[in-house]
């Protein structure tokens, strides 16, 4: 009964207040092929507004974006994991078809 009361009040067992609206959504487990990843990186960088794109000192392409909690974040596109890259590309209108051949040379 105490456990249900704590959950109703959004309190953890140690008494800390839990705000479910600030919990990030789970990132999907995705494993992209090198061709899919390259196509998605190019799409994401090109689809992002020029005000939110940058190139760092090493020449790597990066973007500024809002994460799942609504906070401003930035990252180099090549260093992003597959799940984050897919989520950001889908926000920009990328249509991902799992298992599709991204490069005709693979056939």
PDB file of N, CA and C in Angstrom:
ATOM      1  N   UNK A   1       0.826  -1.186   0.000  1.00  0.00           N
ATOM      2  CA  UNK A   1       0.000   0.000   0.000  1.00  0.00           C
ATOM      3  C   UNK A   1       0.872   1.253   0.000  1.00  0.00           C
ATOM      4  N   UNK A   2       1.941   1.228   0.791  1.00  0.00           N
ATOM      5  CA  UNK A   2       2.841   2.377   0.822  1.00  0.00           C
ATOM      6  C   UNK A   2       3.478   2.599  -0.543  1.00  0.00           C
ATOM      7  N   UNK A   3       3.799   1.497  -1.228  1.00  0.00           N
ATOM      8  CA  UNK A   3       4.412   1.611  -2.553  1.00  0.00           C
ATOM      9  C   UNK A   3       3.459   2.309  -3.526  1.00  0.00           C
ATOM     10  N   UNK A   4       2.168   1.936  -3.505  1.00  0.00           N
ATOM     11  CA  UNK A   4       1.188   2.578  -4.390  1.00  0.00           C
ATOM     12  C   UNK A   4       1.007   4.045  -4.041  1.00  0.00           C
ATOM     13  N   UNK A   5       1.036   4.369  -2.767  1.00  0.00           N
ATOM     14  CA  UNK A   5       0.919   5.759  -2.339  1.00  0.00           C
ATOM     15  C   UNK A   5       2.109   6.579  -2.822  1.00  0.00           C
ATOM     16  N   UNK A   6       3.310   6.000  -2.709  1.00  0.00           N
ATOM     17  CA  UNK A   6       4.519   6.694  -3.166  1.00  0.00           C
ATOM     18  C   UNK A   6       4.471   6.920  -4.680  1.00  0.00           C
ATOM     19  N   UNK A   7       3.986   5.909  -5.425  1.00  0.00           N
ATOM     20  CA  UNK A   7       3.883   6.054  -6.869  1.00  0.00           C
ATOM     21  C   UNK A   7       2.853   7.114  -7.235  1.00  0.00           C
ATOM     22  N   UNK A   8       1.753   7.181  -6.498  1.00  0.00           N
ATOM     23  CA  UNK A   8       0.720   8.186  -6.770  1.00  0.00           C
ATOM     24  C   UNK A   8       1.240   9.589  -6.512  1.00  0.00           C
ATOM     25  N   UNK A   9       2.116   9.736  -5.539  1.00  0.00           N
ATOM     26  CA  UNK A   9       2.680  11.038  -5.210  1.00  0.00           C
ATOM     27  C   UNK A   9       3.944  11.354  -6.008  1.00  0.00           C
ATOM     28  N   UNK A  10       4.347  10.422  -6.887  1.00  0.00           N
ATOM     29  CA  UNK A  10       5.579  10.568  -7.668  1.00  0.00           C
ATOM     30  C   UNK A  10       6.795  10.714  -6.760  1.00  0.00           C
ATOM     31  N   UNK A  11       6.874   9.893  -5.733  1.00  0.00           N
ATOM     32  CA  UNK A  11       8.019   9.899  -4.841  1.00  0.00           C
ATOM     33  C   UNK A  11       8.785   8.595  -4.990  1.00  0.00           C
ATOM     34  N   UNK A  12      10.088   8.684  -5.006  1.00  0.00           N
ATOM     35  CA  UNK A  12      10.915   7.481  -5.009  1.00  0.00           C
ATOM     36  C   UNK A  12      10.987   6.940  -3.594  1.00  0.00           C
ATOM     37  N   UNK A  13      11.560   5.770  -3.444  1.00  0.00           N
ATOM     38  CA  UNK A  13      11.649   5.138  -2.131  1.00  0.00           C
ATOM     39  C   UNK A  13      12.454   5.976  -1.148  1.00  0.00           C
ATOM     40  N   UNK A  14      13.409   6.757  -1.646  1.00  0.00           N
ATOM     41  CA  UNK A  14      14.216   7.592  -0.752  1.00  0.00           C
ATOM     42  C   UNK A  14      13.571   8.946  -0.473  1.00  0.00           C
ATOM     43  N   UNK A  15      12.365   9.178  -1.004  1.00  0.00           N
ATOM     44  CA  UNK A  15      11.658  10.429  -0.751  1.00  0.00           C
ATOM     45  C   UNK A  15      11.879  11.494  -1.803  1.00  0.00           C
ATOM     46  N   UNK A  16      12.737  11.229  -2.788  1.00  0.00           N
ATOM     47  CA  UNK A  16      12.982  12.209  -3.851  1.00  0.00           C
ATOM     48  C   UNK A  16      11.759  12.299  -4.761  1.00  0.00           C
ATOM     49  N   UNK A  17      11.429  13.503  -5.173  1.00  0.00           N
ATOM     50  CA  UNK A  17      10.286  13.719  -6.053  1.00  0.00           C
ATOM     51  C   UNK A  17      10.680  13.311  -7.470  1.00  0.00           C
ATOM     52  N   UNK A  18       9.837  12.529  -8.091  1.00  0.00           N
ATOM     53  CA  UNK A  18      10.074  12.081  -9.466  1.00  0.00           C
ATOM     54  C   UNK A  18       9.087  12.798 -10.377  1.00  0.00           C
ATOM     55  N   UNK A  19       9.592  13.438 -11.389  1.00  0.00           N
ATOM     56  CA  UNK A  19       8.740  14.145 -12.335  1.00  0.00           C
ATOM     57  C   UNK A  19       8.745  13.364 -13.645  1.00  0.00           C
ATOM     58  N   UNK A  20       7.695  12.607 -13.884  1.00  0.00           N
ATOM     59  CA  UNK A  20       7.655  11.733 -15.061  1.00  0.00           C
ATOM     60  C   UNK A  20       7.656  12.522 -16.358  1.00  0.00           C
ATOM     61  N   UNK A  21       7.196  13.761 -16.338  1.00  0.00           N
ATOM     62  CA  UNK A  21       7.186  14.544 -17.574  1.00  0.00           C
ATOM     63  C   UNK A  21       8.589  14.934 -18.017  1.00  0.00           C
ATOM     64  N   UNK A  22       9.578  14.819 -17.116  1.00  0.00           N
ATOM     65  CA  UNK A  22      10.945  15.148 -17.483  1.00  0.00           C
ATOM     66  C   UNK A  22      11.798  13.922 -17.762  1.00  0.00           C
ATOM     67  N   UNK A  23      11.217  12.742 -17.688  1.00  0.00           N
ATOM     68  CA  UNK A  23      11.974  11.539 -17.988  1.00  0.00           C
ATOM     69  C   UNK A  23      12.110  11.415 -19.497  1.00  0.00           C
ATOM     70  N   UNK A  24      13.317  11.185 -19.989  1.00  0.00           N
ATOM     71  CA  UNK A  24      13.491  11.086 -21.447  1.00  0.00           C
ATOM     72  C   UNK A  24      12.843   9.823 -21.998  1.00  0.00           C
ATOM     73  N   UNK A  25      12.387   9.929 -23.233  1.00  0.00           N
ATOM     74  CA  UNK A  25      11.815   8.768 -23.899  1.00  0.00           C
ATOM     75  C   UNK A  25      12.925   7.771 -24.194  1.00  0.00           C
ATOM     76  N   UNK A  26      12.620   6.497 -24.176  1.00  0.00           N
ATOM     77  CA  UNK A  26      13.671   5.516 -24.470  1.00  0.00           C
ATOM     78  C   UNK A  26      14.153   5.655 -25.913  1.00  0.00           C
ATOM     79  N   UNK A  27      15.461   5.564 -26.088  1.00  0.00           N
ATOM     80  CA  UNK A  27      16.049   5.644 -27.417  1.00  0.00           C
ATOM     81  C   UNK A  27      15.968   4.253 -28.040  1.00  0.00           C
ATOM     82  N   UNK A  28      15.414   4.156 -29.257  1.00  0.00           N
ATOM     83  CA  UNK A  28      15.287   2.825 -29.856  1.00  0.00           C
ATOM     84  C   UNK A  28      16.651   2.214 -30.157  1.00  0.00           C
ATOM     85  N   UNK A  29      16.743   0.906 -29.961  1.00  0.00           N
ATOM     86  CA  UNK A  29      17.975   0.186 -30.280  1.00  0.00           C
ATOM     87  C   UNK A  29      17.987  -0.072 -31.780  1.00  0.00           C
ATOM     88  N   UNK A  30      18.859   0.608 -32.477  1.00  0.00           N
ATOM     89  CA  UNK A  30      18.938   0.493 -33.929  1.00  0.00           C
ATOM     90  C   UNK A  30      20.389   0.241 -34.292  1.00  0.00           C
ATOM     91  N   UNK A  31      20.594  -0.629 -35.249  1.00  0.00           N
ATOM     92  CA  UNK A  31      21.931  -0.869 -35.770  1.00  0.00           C
ATOM     93  C   UNK A  31      21.879  -0.591 -37.266  1.00  0.00           C
ATOM     94  N   UNK A  32      22.511   0.498 -37.666  1.00  0.00           N
ATOM     95  CA  UNK A  32      22.495   0.910 -39.068  1.00  0.00           C
ATOM     96  C   UNK A  32      23.701   0.347 -39.805  1.00  0.00           C
ATOM     97  N   UNK A  33      23.489   0.033 -41.075  1.00  0.00           N
ATOM     98  CA  UNK A  33      24.615  -0.380 -41.905  1.00  0.00           C
ATOM     99  C   UNK A  33      25.438   0.870 -42.218  1.00  0.00           C
ATOM    100  N   UNK A  34      26.690   0.714 -42.617  1.00  0.00           N
ATOM    101  CA  UNK A  34      27.503   1.891 -42.951  1.00  0.00           C
ATOM    102  C   UNK A  34      26.881   2.763 -44.037  1.00  0.00           C
ATOM    103  N   UNK A  35      26.241   2.146 -45.024  1.00  0.00           N
ATOM    104  CA  UNK A  35      25.606   2.926 -46.092  1.00  0.00           C
ATOM    105  C   UNK A  35      24.389   3.686 -45.581  1.00  0.00           C
ATOM    106  N   UNK A  36      23.577   3.033 -44.746  1.00  0.00           N
ATOM    107  CA  UNK A  36      22.413   3.704 -44.164  1.00  0.00           C
ATOM    108  C   UNK A  36      22.858   4.870 -43.290  1.00  0.00           C
ATOM    109  N   UNK A  37      23.881   4.637 -42.510  1.00  0.00           N
ATOM    110  CA  UNK A  37      24.379   5.684 -41.607  1.00  0.00           C
ATOM    111  C   UNK A  37      24.906   6.879 -42.401  1.00  0.00           C
ATOM    112  N   UNK A  38      25.666   6.633 -43.439  1.00  0.00           N
ATOM    113  CA  UNK A  38      26.210   7.718 -44.243  1.00  0.00           C
ATOM    114  C   UNK A  38      25.095   8.528 -44.897  1.00  0.00           C
ATOM    115  N   UNK A  39      24.086   7.843 -45.425  1.00  0.00           N
ATOM    116  CA  UNK A  39      22.954   8.536 -46.041  1.00  0.00           C
ATOM    117  C   UNK A  39      22.191   9.360 -45.009  1.00  0.00           C
ATOM    118  N   UNK A  40      22.010   8.799 -43.818  1.00  0.00           N
ATOM    119  CA  UNK A  40      21.279   9.499 -42.768  1.00  0.00           C
ATOM    120  C   UNK A  40      22.053  10.707 -42.248  1.00  0.00           C
ATOM    121  N   UNK A  41      23.371  10.577 -42.093  1.00  0.00           N
ATOM    122  CA  UNK A  41      24.192  11.706 -41.654  1.00  0.00           C
ATOM    123  C   UNK A  41      24.116  12.847 -42.656  1.00  0.00           C
ATOM    124  N   UNK A  42      24.228  12.535 -43.938  1.00  0.00           N
ATOM    125  CA  UNK A  42      24.149  13.565 -44.976  1.00  0.00           C
ATOM    126  C   UNK A  42      22.789  14.237 -44.975  1.00  0.00           C
ATOM    127  N   UNK A  43      21.728  13.422 -44.875  1.00  0.00           N
ATOM    128  CA  UNK A  43      20.380  13.977 -44.859  1.00  0.00           C
ATOM    129  C   UNK A  43      20.183  14.906 -43.674  1.00  0.00           C
ATOM    130  N   UNK A  44      20.593  14.464 -42.489  1.00  0.00           N
ATOM    131  CA  UNK A  44      20.382  15.251 -41.277  1.00  0.00           C
ATOM    132  C   UNK A  44      21.116  16.585 -41.347  1.00  0.00           C
ATOM    133  N   UNK A  45      22.368  16.567 -41.775  1.00  0.00           N
ATOM    134  CA  UNK A  45      23.129  17.810 -41.835  1.00  0.00           C
ATOM    135  C   UNK A  45      22.550  18.747 -42.891  1.00  0.00           C
ATOM    136  N   UNK A  46      22.138  18.217 -44.040  1.00  0.00           N
ATOM    137  CA  UNK A  46      21.581  19.057 -45.103  1.00  0.00           C
ATOM    138  C   UNK A  46      20.181  19.569 -44.762  1.00  0.00           C
ATOM    139  N   UNK A  47      19.386  18.774 -44.036  1.00  0.00           N
ATOM    140  CA  UNK A  47      18.017  19.166 -43.703  1.00  0.00           C
ATOM    141  C   UNK A  47      17.958  20.146 -42.535  1.00  0.00           C
ATOM    142  N   UNK A  48      19.007  20.208 -41.735  1.00  0.00           N
ATOM    143  CA  UNK A  48      19.034  21.120 -40.596  1.00  0.00           C
ATOM    144  C   UNK A  48      19.271  22.544 -41.091  1.00  0.00           C
ATOM    145  N   UNK A  49      18.548  23.474 -40.517  1.00  0.00           N
ATOM    146  CA  UNK A  49      18.698  24.882 -40.899  1.00  0.00           C
ATOM    147  C   UNK A  49      20.143  25.332 -40.711  1.00  0.00           C
ATOM    148  N   UNK A  50      20.583  26.216 -41.573  1.00  0.00           N
ATOM    149  CA  UNK A  50      21.983  26.667 -41.514  1.00  0.00           C
ATOM    150  C   UNK A  50      22.299  27.366 -40.194  1.00  0.00           C
ATOM    151  N   UNK A  51      21.282  27.900 -39.520  1.00  0.00           N
ATOM    152  CA  UNK A  51      21.506  28.553 -38.227  1.00  0.00           C
ATOM    153  C   UNK A  51      21.879  27.534 -37.146  1.00  0.00           C
ATOM    154  N   UNK A  52      21.572  26.273 -37.358  1.00  0.00           N
ATOM    155  CA  UNK A  52      21.816  25.235 -36.361  1.00  0.00           C
ATOM    156  C   UNK A  52      22.912  24.259 -36.775  1.00  0.00           C
ATOM    157  N   UNK A  53      23.650  24.572 -37.832  1.00  0.00           N
ATOM    158  CA  UNK A  53      24.762  23.734 -38.276  1.00  0.00           C
ATOM    159  C   UNK A  53      26.074  24.410 -37.931  1.00  0.00           C
ATOM    160  N   UNK A  54      27.087  23.614 -37.697  1.00  0.00           N
ATOM    161  CA  UNK A  54      28.421  24.166 -37.488  1.00  0.00           C
ATOM    162  C   UNK A  54      29.457  23.152 -37.930  1.00  0.00           C
ATOM    163  N   UNK A  55      30.661  23.616 -38.140  1.00  0.00           N
ATOM    164  CA  UNK A  55      31.799  22.762 -38.443  1.00  0.00           C
ATOM    165  C   UNK A  55      32.865  23.106 -37.412  1.00  0.00           C
ATOM    166  N   UNK A  56      33.333  22.095 -36.674  1.00  0.00           N
ATOM    167  CA  UNK A  56      34.291  22.374 -35.605  1.00  0.00           C
ATOM    168  C   UNK A  56      35.707  22.543 -36.164  1.00  0.00           C
ATOM    169  N   UNK A  57      36.658  22.780 -35.278  1.00  0.00           N
ATOM    170  CA  UNK A  57      38.039  23.042 -35.693  1.00  0.00           C
ATOM    171  C   UNK A  57      38.655  21.907 -36.488  1.00  0.00           C
ATOM    172  N   UNK A  58      38.201  20.693 -36.209  1.00  0.00           N
ATOM    173  CA  UNK A  58      38.752  19.528 -36.894  1.00  0.00           C
ATOM    174  C   UNK A  58      38.053  19.244 -38.223  1.00  0.00           C
ATOM    175  N   UNK A  59      37.071  20.086 -38.590  1.00  0.00           N
ATOM    176  CA  UNK A  59      36.360  19.907 -39.851  1.00  0.00           C
ATOM    177  C   UNK A  59      35.190  18.949 -39.776  1.00  0.00           C
ATOM    178  N   UNK A  60      34.788  18.556 -38.558  1.00  0.00           N
ATOM    179  CA  UNK A  60      33.663  17.643 -38.396  1.00  0.00           C
ATOM    180  C   UNK A  60      32.357  18.426 -38.373  1.00  0.00           C
ATOM    181  N   UNK A  61      31.318  17.895 -39.021  1.00  0.00           N
ATOM    182  CA  UNK A  61      30.018  18.543 -39.102  1.00  0.00           C
ATOM    183  C   UNK A  61      29.216  18.266 -37.837  1.00  0.00           C
ATOM    184  N   UNK A  62      28.601  19.304 -37.304  1.00  0.00           N
ATOM    185  CA  UNK A  62      27.786  19.160 -36.107  1.00  0.00           C
ATOM    186  C   UNK A  62      26.507  19.965 -36.225  1.00  0.00           C
ATOM    187  N   UNK A  63      25.549  19.661 -35.352  1.00  0.00           N
ATOM    188  CA  UNK A  63      24.284  20.386 -35.320  1.00  0.00           C
ATOM    189  C   UNK A  63      23.918  20.706 -33.869  1.00  0.00           C
ATOM    190  N   UNK A  64      23.080  21.717 -33.721  1.00  0.00           N
ATOM    191  CA  UNK A  64      22.484  22.069 -32.438  1.00  0.00           C
ATOM    192  C   UNK A  64      21.029  21.631 -32.518  1.00  0.00           C
ATOM    193  N   UNK A  65      20.532  20.942 -31.490  1.00  0.00           N
ATOM    194  CA  UNK A  65      19.180  20.397 -31.522  1.00  0.00           C
ATOM    195  C   UNK A  65      18.601  20.405 -30.117  1.00  0.00           C
ATOM    196  N   UNK A  66      17.306  20.156 -30.026  1.00  0.00           N
ATOM    197  CA  UNK A  66      16.643  19.996 -28.735  1.00  0.00           C
ATOM    198  C   UNK A  66      16.519  18.508 -28.447  1.00  0.00           C
ATOM    199  N   UNK A  67      16.955  18.101 -27.256  1.00  0.00           N
ATOM    200  CA  UNK A  67      16.847  16.690 -26.901  1.00  0.00           C
ATOM    201  C   UNK A  67      15.422  16.372 -26.459  1.00  0.00           C
ATOM    202  N   UNK A  68      15.187  15.144 -26.005  1.00  0.00           N
ATOM    203  CA  UNK A  68      13.844  14.708 -25.631  1.00  0.00           C
ATOM    204  C   UNK A  68      13.294  15.450 -24.425  1.00  0.00           C
ATOM    205  N   UNK A  69      14.146  16.060 -23.640  1.00  0.00           N
ATOM    206  CA  UNK A  69      13.695  16.835 -22.486  1.00  0.00           C
ATOM    207  C   UNK A  69      13.502  18.307 -22.823  1.00  0.00           C
ATOM    208  N   UNK A  70      13.761  18.700 -24.064  1.00  0.00           N
ATOM    209  CA  UNK A  70      13.577  20.084 -24.473  1.00  0.00           C
ATOM    210  C   UNK A  70      14.775  20.962 -24.193  1.00  0.00           C
ATOM    211  N   UNK A  71      15.906  20.358 -23.849  1.00  0.00           N
ATOM    212  CA  UNK A  71      17.120  21.125 -23.587  1.00  0.00           C
ATOM    213  C   UNK A  71      17.918  21.263 -24.871  1.00  0.00           C
ATOM    214  N   UNK A  72      18.573  22.397 -25.029  1.00  0.00           N
ATOM    215  CA  UNK A  72      19.444  22.590 -26.186  1.00  0.00           C
ATOM    216  C   UNK A  72      20.679  21.714 -26.017  1.00  0.00           C
ATOM    217  N   UNK A  73      21.040  21.029 -27.064  1.00  0.00           N
ATOM    218  CA  UNK A  73      22.215  20.160 -27.060  1.00  0.00           C
ATOM    219  C   UNK A  73      22.898  20.305 -28.406  1.00  0.00           C
ATOM    220  N   UNK A  74      24.145  19.941 -28.449  1.00  0.00           N
ATOM    221  CA  UNK A  74      24.845  19.975 -29.725  1.00  0.00           C
ATOM    222  C   UNK A  74      25.703  18.732 -29.820  1.00  0.00           C
ATOM    223  N   UNK A  75      25.998  18.356 -31.030  1.00  0.00           N
ATOM    224  CA  UNK A  75      26.825  17.176 -31.205  1.00  0.00           C
ATOM    225  C   UNK A  75      27.320  17.038 -32.620  1.00  0.00           C
ATOM    226  N   UNK A  76      28.448  16.393 -32.734  1.00  0.00           N
ATOM    227  CA  UNK A  76      29.001  16.078 -34.044  1.00  0.00           C
ATOM    228  C   UNK A  76      28.188  14.918 -34.603  1.00  0.00           C
ATOM    229  N   UNK A  77      27.715  15.073 -35.812  1.00  0.00           N
ATOM    230  CA  UNK A  77      26.813  14.092 -36.403  1.00  0.00           C
ATOM    231  C   UNK A  77      27.474  12.712 -36.478  1.00  0.00           C
ATOM    232  N   UNK A  78      28.740  12.631 -36.830  1.00  0.00           N
ATOM    233  CA  UNK A  78      29.424  11.353 -36.977  1.00  0.00           C
ATOM    234  C   UNK A  78      29.572  10.640 -35.630  1.00  0.00           C
ATOM    235  N   UNK A  79      29.603  11.374 -34.512  1.00  0.00           N
ATOM    236  CA  UNK A  79      29.798  10.774 -33.193  1.00  0.00           C
ATOM    237  C   UNK A  79      28.503  10.328 -32.526  1.00  0.00           C
ATOM    238  N   UNK A  80      27.347  10.640 -33.107  1.00  0.00           N
ATOM    239  CA  UNK A  80      26.068  10.272 -32.503  1.00  0.00           C
ATOM    240  C   UNK A  80      25.830   8.775 -32.646  1.00  0.00           C
ATOM    241  N   UNK A  81      25.174   8.192 -31.636  1.00  0.00           N
ATOM    242  CA  UNK A  81      24.835   6.784 -31.769  1.00  0.00           C
ATOM    243  C   UNK A  81      23.680   6.624 -32.747  1.00  0.00           C
ATOM    244  N   UNK A  82      23.447   5.404 -33.198  1.00  0.00           N
ATOM    245  CA  UNK A  82      22.475   5.159 -34.256  1.00  0.00           C
ATOM    246  C   UNK A  82      21.056   5.563 -33.868  1.00  0.00           C
ATOM    247  N   UNK A  83      20.660   5.297 -32.618  1.00  0.00           N
ATOM    248  CA  UNK A  83      19.309   5.630 -32.177  1.00  0.00           C
ATOM    249  C   UNK A  83      19.047   7.128 -32.185  1.00  0.00           C
ATOM    250  N   UNK A  84      19.999   7.905 -31.668  1.00  0.00           N
ATOM    251  CA  UNK A  84      19.845   9.359 -31.653  1.00  0.00           C
ATOM    252  C   UNK A  84      19.842   9.907 -33.071  1.00  0.00           C
ATOM    253  N   UNK A  85      20.729   9.414 -33.913  1.00  0.00           N
ATOM    254  CA  UNK A  85      20.798   9.862 -35.295  1.00  0.00           C
ATOM    255  C   UNK A  85      19.489   9.593 -36.022  1.00  0.00           C
ATOM    256  N   UNK A  86      18.937   8.405 -35.832  1.00  0.00           N
ATOM    257  CA  UNK A  86      17.665   8.056 -36.461  1.00  0.00           C
ATOM    258  C   UNK A  86      16.535   8.949 -35.959  1.00  0.00           C
ATOM    259  N   UNK A  87      16.471   9.174 -34.654  1.00  0.00           N
ATOM    260  CA  UNK A  87      15.415  10.020 -34.096  1.00  0.00           C
ATOM    261  C   UNK A  87      15.476  11.446 -34.614  1.00  0.00           C
ATOM    262  N   UNK A  88      16.670  12.022 -34.683  1.00  0.00           N
ATOM    263  CA  UNK A  88      16.813  13.390 -35.186  1.00  0.00           C
ATOM    264  C   UNK A  88      16.492  13.464 -36.678  1.00  0.00           C
ATOM    265  N   UNK A  89      16.911  12.460 -37.446  1.00  0.00           N
ATOM    266  CA  UNK A  89      16.616  12.451 -38.881  1.00  0.00           C
ATOM    267  C   UNK A  89      15.119  12.314 -39.125  1.00  0.00           C
ATOM    268  N   UNK A  90      14.432  11.502 -38.323  1.00  0.00           N
ATOM    269  CA  UNK A  90      12.988  11.349 -38.491  1.00  0.00           C
ATOM    270  C   UNK A  90      12.249  12.635 -38.137  1.00  0.00           C
ATOM    271  N   UNK A  91      12.760  13.402 -37.174  1.00  0.00           N
ATOM    272  CA  UNK A  91      12.159  14.702 -36.862  1.00  0.00           C
ATOM    273  C   UNK A  91      12.231  15.640 -38.061  1.00  0.00           C
ATOM    274  N   UNK A  92      13.276  15.486 -38.867  1.00  0.00           N
ATOM    275  CA  UNK A  92      13.462  16.336 -40.050  1.00  0.00           C
ATOM    276  C   UNK A  92      12.764  15.778 -41.279  1.00  0.00           C
ATOM    277  N   UNK A  93      12.088  14.633 -41.154  1.00  0.00           N
ATOM    278  CA  UNK A  93      11.319  14.083 -42.253  1.00  0.00           C
ATOM    279  C   UNK A  93      11.938  12.892 -42.954  1.00  0.00           C
ATOM    280  N   UNK A  94      12.981  12.320 -42.391  1.00  0.00           N
ATOM    281  CA  UNK A  94      13.625  11.151 -42.996  1.00  0.00           C
ATOM    282  C   UNK A  94      12.735   9.940 -42.817  1.00  0.00           C
ATOM    283  N   UNK A  95      12.518   9.173 -43.877  1.00  0.00           N
ATOM    284  CA  UNK A  95      11.707   7.963 -43.807  1.00  0.00           C
ATOM    285  C   UNK A  95      12.639   6.765 -43.791  1.00  0.00           C
ATOM    286  N   UNK A  96      12.724   6.132 -42.639  1.00  0.00           N
ATOM    287  CA  UNK A  96      13.621   4.986 -42.462  1.00  0.00           C
ATOM    288  C   UNK A  96      12.862   3.694 -42.689  1.00  0.00           C
ATOM    289  N   UNK A  97      13.385   2.867 -43.584  1.00  0.00           N
ATOM    290  CA  UNK A  97      12.821   1.551 -43.834  1.00  0.00           C
ATOM    291  C   UNK A  97      13.861   0.538 -43.373  1.00  0.00           C
ATOM    292  N   UNK A  98      13.621  -0.149 -42.253  1.00  0.00           N
ATOM    293  CA  UNK A  98      14.626  -1.090 -41.744  1.00  0.00           C
ATOM    294  C   UNK A  98      14.947  -2.190 -42.761  1.00  0.00           C
ATOM    295  N   UNK A  99      16.231  -2.419 -42.947  1.00  0.00           N
ATOM    296  CA  UNK A  99      16.664  -3.483 -43.836  1.00  0.00           C
ATOM    297  C   UNK A  99      16.677  -3.140 -45.297  1.00  0.00           C
ATOM    298  N   UNK A 100      16.297  -1.916 -45.655  1.00  0.00           N
ATOM    299  CA  UNK A 100      16.309  -1.518 -47.062  1.00  0.00           C
ATOM    300  C   UNK A 100      17.748  -1.358 -47.529  1.00  0.00           C
ATOM    301  N   UNK A 101      17.983  -1.624 -48.780  1.00  0.00           N
ATOM    302  CA  UNK A 101      19.317  -1.475 -49.346  1.00  0.00           C
ATOM    303  C   UNK A 101      19.522  -0.002 -49.669  1.00  0.00           C
ATOM    304  N   UNK A 102      20.521   0.611 -49.029  1.00  0.00           N
ATOM    305  CA  UNK A 102      20.739   2.036 -49.213  1.00  0.00           C
ATOM    306  C   UNK A 102      21.649   2.322 -50.398  1.00  0.00           C
ATOM    307  N   UNK A 103      22.373   1.308 -50.874  1.00  0.00           N
ATOM    308  CA  UNK A 103      23.322   1.505 -51.962  1.00  0.00           C
ATOM    309  C   UNK A 103      23.171   0.340 -52.918  1.00  0.00           C
ATOM    310  N   UNK A 104      22.943   0.647 -54.177  1.00  0.00           N
ATOM    311  CA  UNK A 104      22.673  -0.391 -55.159  1.00  0.00           C
ATOM    312  C   UNK A 104      23.883  -1.311 -55.381  1.00  0.00           C
ATOM    313  N   UNK A 105      25.074  -0.908 -55.022  1.00  0.00           N
ATOM    314  CA  UNK A 105      26.251  -1.741 -55.188  1.00  0.00           C
ATOM    315  C   UNK A 105      26.285  -2.934 -54.247  1.00  0.00           C
ATOM    316  N   UNK A 106      25.416  -2.950 -53.241  1.00  0.00           N
ATOM    317  CA  UNK A 106      25.385  -4.049 -52.276  1.00  0.00           C
ATOM    318  C   UNK A 106      24.617  -5.259 -52.800  1.00  0.00           C
ATOM    319  N   UNK A 107      23.890  -5.100 -53.893  1.00  0.00           N
ATOM    320  CA  UNK A 107      23.042  -6.190 -54.399  1.00  0.00           C
ATOM    321  C   UNK A 107      23.899  -7.246 -55.074  1.00  0.00           C
TER     322      UNK A 107
END
